[in-house]
N, C-alpha and C. Protein backbone atom coordinates (compact mmCIF):
# COMPACT_ATOMS: atom_id res chain seq x y z
N MET A 1 218.93 122.81 103.01
CA MET A 1 217.58 123.38 102.92
C MET A 1 217.11 122.95 101.62
N THR A 2 216.09 122.69 101.71
CA THR A 2 215.19 122.30 100.15
C THR A 2 215.06 123.40 99.24
N ASP A 3 214.59 122.33 98.34
CA ASP A 3 214.37 123.49 96.99
C ASP A 3 213.22 124.30 97.48
N LYS A 4 211.94 123.93 98.43
CA LYS A 4 211.00 124.74 98.11
C LYS A 4 211.57 125.97 99.16
N ASN A 5 212.56 125.93 100.45
CA ASN A 5 212.74 126.80 100.90
C ASN A 5 213.24 127.70 100.46
N LYS A 6 214.35 127.21 99.49
CA LYS A 6 215.17 127.98 98.73
C LYS A 6 214.50 128.88 97.61
N GLY A 7 213.48 128.34 97.03
CA GLY A 7 212.23 128.94 96.02
C GLY A 7 211.59 129.99 96.99
N VAL A 8 211.03 129.95 98.16
CA VAL A 8 210.57 131.06 98.90
C VAL A 8 211.67 132.08 99.15
N LEU A 9 212.64 131.61 99.73
CA LEU A 9 213.63 132.87 99.99
C LEU A 9 214.08 133.87 98.71
N ILE A 10 213.81 132.88 97.62
CA ILE A 10 214.26 133.34 96.31
C ILE A 10 213.17 134.66 96.19
N TYR A 11 212.04 134.21 96.25
CA TYR A 11 211.30 135.32 95.53
C TYR A 11 210.65 136.46 97.03
N ILE A 12 210.73 135.95 98.38
CA ILE A 12 210.97 137.39 99.08
C ILE A 12 212.22 138.03 99.16
N PHE A 13 213.11 137.76 98.91
CA PHE A 13 214.31 138.46 98.85
C PHE A 13 214.93 138.62 97.41
N SER A 14 214.05 138.68 96.40
CA SER A 14 214.34 138.80 95.11
C SER A 14 215.69 139.12 94.82
N ILE A 15 216.42 140.19 94.68
CA ILE A 15 217.47 140.46 94.33
C ILE A 15 218.77 139.83 94.69
N ILE A 16 218.71 139.95 95.95
CA ILE A 16 219.83 139.22 96.53
C ILE A 16 219.74 137.71 96.93
N ALA A 17 218.71 137.14 97.01
CA ALA A 17 218.95 135.84 97.14
C ALA A 17 218.86 135.11 95.66
N GLY A 18 217.86 135.93 94.60
CA GLY A 18 218.35 135.52 93.57
C GLY A 18 219.17 135.46 92.79
N LEU A 19 220.04 136.54 92.86
CA LEU A 19 221.96 136.51 92.28
C LEU A 19 222.47 135.54 93.04
N VAL A 20 222.24 135.05 94.49
CA VAL A 20 222.76 133.97 94.97
C VAL A 20 222.80 132.90 94.61
N PHE A 21 221.43 132.04 94.67
CA PHE A 21 220.87 130.93 93.88
C PHE A 21 221.10 130.91 92.35
N LEU A 22 221.38 132.19 91.59
CA LEU A 22 221.28 132.05 90.71
C LEU A 22 222.90 131.51 90.19
N PHE A 23 223.53 132.07 90.54
CA PHE A 23 225.34 131.72 90.54
C PHE A 23 225.96 130.80 90.95
N SER A 24 225.19 129.91 92.27
CA SER A 24 225.47 128.86 92.59
C SER A 24 225.60 127.92 91.84
N LYS A 25 226.74 127.09 92.20
CA LYS A 25 226.98 125.62 91.51
C LYS A 25 226.02 124.53 91.94
N ASP A 26 225.84 124.48 93.14
CA ASP A 26 224.70 123.91 93.39
C ASP A 26 223.93 123.70 93.61
N SER A 27 222.94 124.73 92.84
CA SER A 27 221.35 125.33 92.39
C SER A 27 221.07 123.95 91.23
N SER A 28 219.81 123.55 91.38
CA SER A 28 218.93 122.53 90.52
C SER A 28 218.67 123.79 89.05
N ARG A 29 218.05 123.47 88.21
CA ARG A 29 217.58 124.01 87.04
C ARG A 29 216.23 124.96 87.35
N ASN A 30 215.45 124.31 88.41
CA ASN A 30 214.24 124.60 88.83
C ASN A 30 214.69 126.40 89.53
N ILE A 31 215.65 125.89 90.51
CA ILE A 31 215.89 126.78 91.63
C ILE A 31 216.32 128.44 90.80
N LYS A 32 217.43 128.02 89.56
CA LYS A 32 218.15 129.05 88.95
C LYS A 32 216.86 129.64 87.89
N MET A 33 215.65 128.76 87.51
CA MET A 33 215.17 129.43 86.86
C MET A 33 214.13 130.48 87.99
N HIS A 34 213.63 129.77 89.17
CA HIS A 34 213.00 130.78 90.19
C HIS A 34 213.92 132.22 90.46
N ALA A 35 215.16 132.06 90.37
CA ALA A 35 216.12 132.82 90.58
C ALA A 35 215.93 134.20 89.65
N ALA A 36 215.77 133.44 88.37
CA ALA A 36 216.00 134.29 87.46
C ALA A 36 214.76 135.19 87.07
N GLN A 37 213.48 134.44 87.38
CA GLN A 37 212.31 134.80 87.25
C GLN A 37 211.97 136.20 88.50
N ALA A 38 212.49 135.87 89.61
CA ALA A 38 212.59 136.71 90.81
C ALA A 38 213.29 138.42 90.40
N ILE A 39 214.33 137.95 89.68
CA ILE A 39 215.20 138.76 89.32
C ILE A 39 214.71 139.81 88.55
N THR A 40 214.32 139.21 87.56
CA THR A 40 213.33 139.83 86.26
C THR A 40 212.25 140.54 87.01
N ILE A 41 211.57 140.40 87.49
CA ILE A 41 210.09 140.88 88.54
C ILE A 41 210.73 142.24 89.00
N PHE A 42 211.65 141.96 90.23
CA PHE A 42 212.00 142.72 90.41
C PHE A 42 212.68 144.06 89.81
N ILE A 43 213.12 143.62 88.49
CA ILE A 43 213.94 144.69 87.51
C ILE A 43 213.04 145.24 86.73
N GLY A 44 212.00 144.53 86.57
CA GLY A 44 210.81 144.99 85.79
C GLY A 44 209.95 146.11 86.69
N TYR A 45 209.92 145.82 87.96
CA TYR A 45 208.96 146.94 89.34
C TYR A 45 209.88 148.00 89.14
N PHE A 46 211.25 147.98 89.37
CA PHE A 46 211.97 148.76 89.53
C PHE A 46 212.04 149.84 88.99
N LEU A 47 212.07 149.15 86.96
CA LEU A 47 212.18 150.36 86.30
C LEU A 47 210.91 150.82 85.65
N LEU A 48 209.84 150.24 86.20
CA LEU A 48 208.44 150.92 85.55
C LEU A 48 208.42 151.87 86.79
N THR A 49 208.63 151.94 88.04
CA THR A 49 208.44 153.06 89.39
C THR A 49 209.05 153.96 88.80
N ILE A 50 210.42 153.90 88.02
CA ILE A 50 211.92 155.09 88.11
C ILE A 50 211.23 155.90 87.14
N ILE A 51 210.73 154.83 86.24
CA ILE A 51 209.98 155.88 84.64
C ILE A 51 208.48 156.33 84.80
N TYR A 52 207.88 155.74 85.77
CA TYR A 52 206.75 156.20 86.19
C TYR A 52 206.85 157.95 87.25
N ALA A 53 208.35 157.86 87.74
CA ALA A 53 208.81 159.01 88.84
C ALA A 53 209.27 160.11 87.64
N ILE A 54 209.99 159.57 86.72
CA ILE A 54 210.81 160.63 85.64
C ILE A 54 209.59 161.48 84.92
N ILE A 55 208.77 160.52 84.40
CA ILE A 55 207.33 161.80 83.30
C ILE A 55 206.63 162.23 84.30
N PRO A 56 206.45 163.45 83.62
CA PRO A 56 205.64 164.35 83.99
C PRO A 56 203.77 164.08 83.62
N ILE A 57 203.39 162.93 83.70
CA ILE A 57 202.25 162.45 83.48
C ILE A 57 201.79 162.01 84.80
N TYR A 58 200.87 162.51 85.61
CA TYR A 58 200.03 162.14 86.63
C TYR A 58 198.86 161.06 86.22
N ILE A 59 198.91 159.77 86.72
CA ILE A 59 197.82 158.93 86.57
C ILE A 59 197.58 158.20 87.68
N PRO A 60 196.61 158.71 88.41
CA PRO A 60 195.31 158.34 89.52
C PRO A 60 196.05 156.80 89.68
N PHE A 61 196.45 156.07 91.02
CA PHE A 61 196.37 155.26 91.20
C PHE A 61 197.44 154.02 90.32
N PHE A 62 198.04 154.66 89.57
CA PHE A 62 198.98 153.99 88.91
C PHE A 62 200.20 153.53 89.79
N SER A 63 200.91 154.06 90.18
CA SER A 63 201.82 153.39 91.04
C SER A 63 201.33 152.17 91.84
N ASN A 64 200.21 152.35 92.72
CA ASN A 64 199.32 151.27 93.38
C ASN A 64 199.00 150.04 92.54
N LEU A 65 198.73 150.10 91.34
CA LEU A 65 198.40 149.51 90.13
C LEU A 65 200.05 148.36 89.83
N ILE A 66 200.97 149.19 90.07
CA ILE A 66 202.30 148.68 89.53
C ILE A 66 202.84 147.57 90.75
N TYR A 67 202.35 148.28 91.77
CA TYR A 67 202.89 147.73 92.89
C TYR A 67 202.17 146.56 93.37
N ILE A 68 200.64 146.08 92.77
CA ILE A 68 200.01 145.23 93.19
C ILE A 68 199.94 144.00 92.04
N VAL A 69 200.40 144.39 90.60
CA VAL A 69 201.48 143.47 89.54
C VAL A 69 202.46 143.03 90.00
N TYR A 70 203.38 143.84 90.73
CA TYR A 70 204.71 142.92 91.49
C TYR A 70 204.45 142.13 92.58
N MET A 71 203.35 142.36 93.18
CA MET A 71 203.04 141.56 94.38
C MET A 71 202.31 140.20 94.00
N ALA A 72 201.40 140.66 92.70
CA ALA A 72 201.00 138.88 92.20
C ALA A 72 201.77 138.01 91.83
N ALA A 73 202.69 139.00 91.24
CA ALA A 73 203.66 137.88 90.16
C ALA A 73 204.65 137.15 91.40
N ILE A 74 205.06 137.85 92.07
CA ILE A 74 205.80 137.26 93.69
C ILE A 74 204.86 135.92 94.10
N ILE A 75 203.44 136.35 94.67
CA ILE A 75 202.81 135.52 95.08
C ILE A 75 202.55 134.13 93.89
N PHE A 76 202.48 134.54 92.66
CA PHE A 76 202.39 133.51 92.03
C PHE A 76 203.90 133.02 91.58
N GLY A 77 204.56 133.18 91.92
CA GLY A 77 205.75 132.24 91.86
C GLY A 77 206.10 131.48 93.36
N ILE A 78 206.05 131.91 94.29
CA ILE A 78 205.58 131.22 95.54
C ILE A 78 205.00 129.92 95.63
N VAL A 79 203.64 130.30 95.15
CA VAL A 79 202.81 129.49 94.61
C VAL A 79 203.26 128.02 94.14
N LYS A 80 203.93 128.41 92.79
CA LYS A 80 204.05 127.65 91.95
C LYS A 80 205.62 126.71 92.59
N VAL A 81 206.54 127.31 93.39
CA VAL A 81 207.21 126.89 94.08
C VAL A 81 206.74 125.93 95.12
N VAL A 82 205.76 126.04 96.22
CA VAL A 82 205.61 125.35 96.75
C VAL A 82 204.54 124.34 96.63
N GLN A 83 203.79 124.27 95.18
CA GLN A 83 203.18 123.33 94.95
C GLN A 83 204.19 122.55 94.24
N GLU A 84 205.24 122.86 93.95
CA GLU A 84 206.42 122.15 92.98
C GLU A 84 205.99 121.81 91.65
N GLN A 85 205.42 122.99 90.98
CA GLN A 85 204.75 122.90 89.73
C GLN A 85 205.78 123.56 88.74
N GLU A 86 205.60 123.46 87.40
CA GLU A 86 207.29 124.09 86.28
C GLU A 86 206.98 125.29 86.81
N PRO A 87 208.77 125.93 87.35
CA PRO A 87 209.03 127.05 87.80
C PRO A 87 208.24 128.07 86.70
N GLU A 88 208.03 128.17 85.63
CA GLU A 88 207.82 129.04 84.34
C GLU A 88 206.65 129.63 84.76
N ILE A 89 206.92 131.11 84.75
CA ILE A 89 205.80 131.65 84.81
C ILE A 89 205.61 132.58 83.39
N PRO A 90 204.27 132.61 83.02
CA PRO A 90 203.85 133.22 81.71
C PRO A 90 204.60 134.52 81.23
N VAL A 91 204.97 135.05 80.21
CA VAL A 91 205.46 136.22 79.93
C VAL A 91 206.95 136.53 80.56
N ILE A 92 206.91 136.10 81.87
CA ILE A 92 208.06 136.70 82.56
C ILE A 92 209.06 135.54 82.29
N SER A 93 209.24 134.52 82.30
CA SER A 93 210.29 133.18 82.19
C SER A 93 210.79 133.52 80.56
N ASP A 94 210.11 133.81 79.68
CA ASP A 94 210.56 134.29 78.39
C ASP A 94 211.51 135.53 78.74
N ILE A 95 211.14 136.07 79.24
CA ILE A 95 212.10 137.56 79.41
C ILE A 95 213.40 137.22 80.13
N ALA A 96 213.16 135.92 81.15
CA ALA A 96 214.12 135.91 82.16
C ALA A 96 215.33 134.81 81.31
N LYS A 97 214.57 133.87 80.83
CA LYS A 97 215.45 133.03 79.73
C LYS A 97 216.50 134.06 78.60
N LYS A 98 215.89 134.92 78.27
CA LYS A 98 216.50 135.78 77.03
C LYS A 98 217.99 136.51 78.23
N ILE A 99 217.63 136.69 79.14
CA ILE A 99 218.56 137.46 79.83
C ILE A 99 219.76 136.98 80.82
N PHE A 100 218.97 135.79 81.37
CA PHE A 100 219.77 134.65 82.01
C PHE A 100 220.01 133.36 81.62
N GLY A 101 220.07 133.39 80.00
CA GLY A 101 219.96 131.85 79.31
C GLY A 101 220.99 131.36 79.79
N LYS A 102 222.22 131.76 79.95
CA LYS A 102 223.60 130.67 79.99
C LYS A 102 223.42 130.39 81.46
N GLN A 103 222.92 130.99 82.52
CA GLN A 103 222.98 131.00 83.58
C GLN A 103 222.08 129.82 84.07
N ILE A 104 221.03 129.62 83.51
CA ILE A 104 219.99 129.20 83.69
C ILE A 104 220.53 127.11 83.57
N GLU A 105 221.18 127.25 82.08
CA GLU A 105 221.43 126.06 81.57
C GLU A 105 222.69 125.56 82.65
N GLY A 106 223.69 126.25 82.62
CA GLY A 106 225.06 125.69 82.75
C GLY A 106 225.21 126.23 84.23
C-alpha cells in the first residue's frame, strides 16, 4: 500500500486507522504525523460535541458549524496527502506533536 493510500485511509477512518498507523513500526514519519493529526481532529470534534450537548445554552447552528469545521480539516488533510505536501496542518499539528510526540519521532 502506498503512503497516499495510507494517508487517505487515515483521514477517512480517523481514530481506528490513525491508531493502527501511528503505532505501526513500518510507518514513515509523514504517515505517523497524518495519523496523529487525524486522531487529534477526531478527539477535538468529539469533545466539542460532548461539551455542547452538556451545556444548557442553545446556539443555533453551532453543531452544524462544528461539523463543517471537522469536515474541512479532514478534507484539508486528505488534500495534503494526495498532493504529497508537508503533513502539518496549522494549529492541529502543534497539538498533535504535544500529545503524540514520542510516537511520531520514534
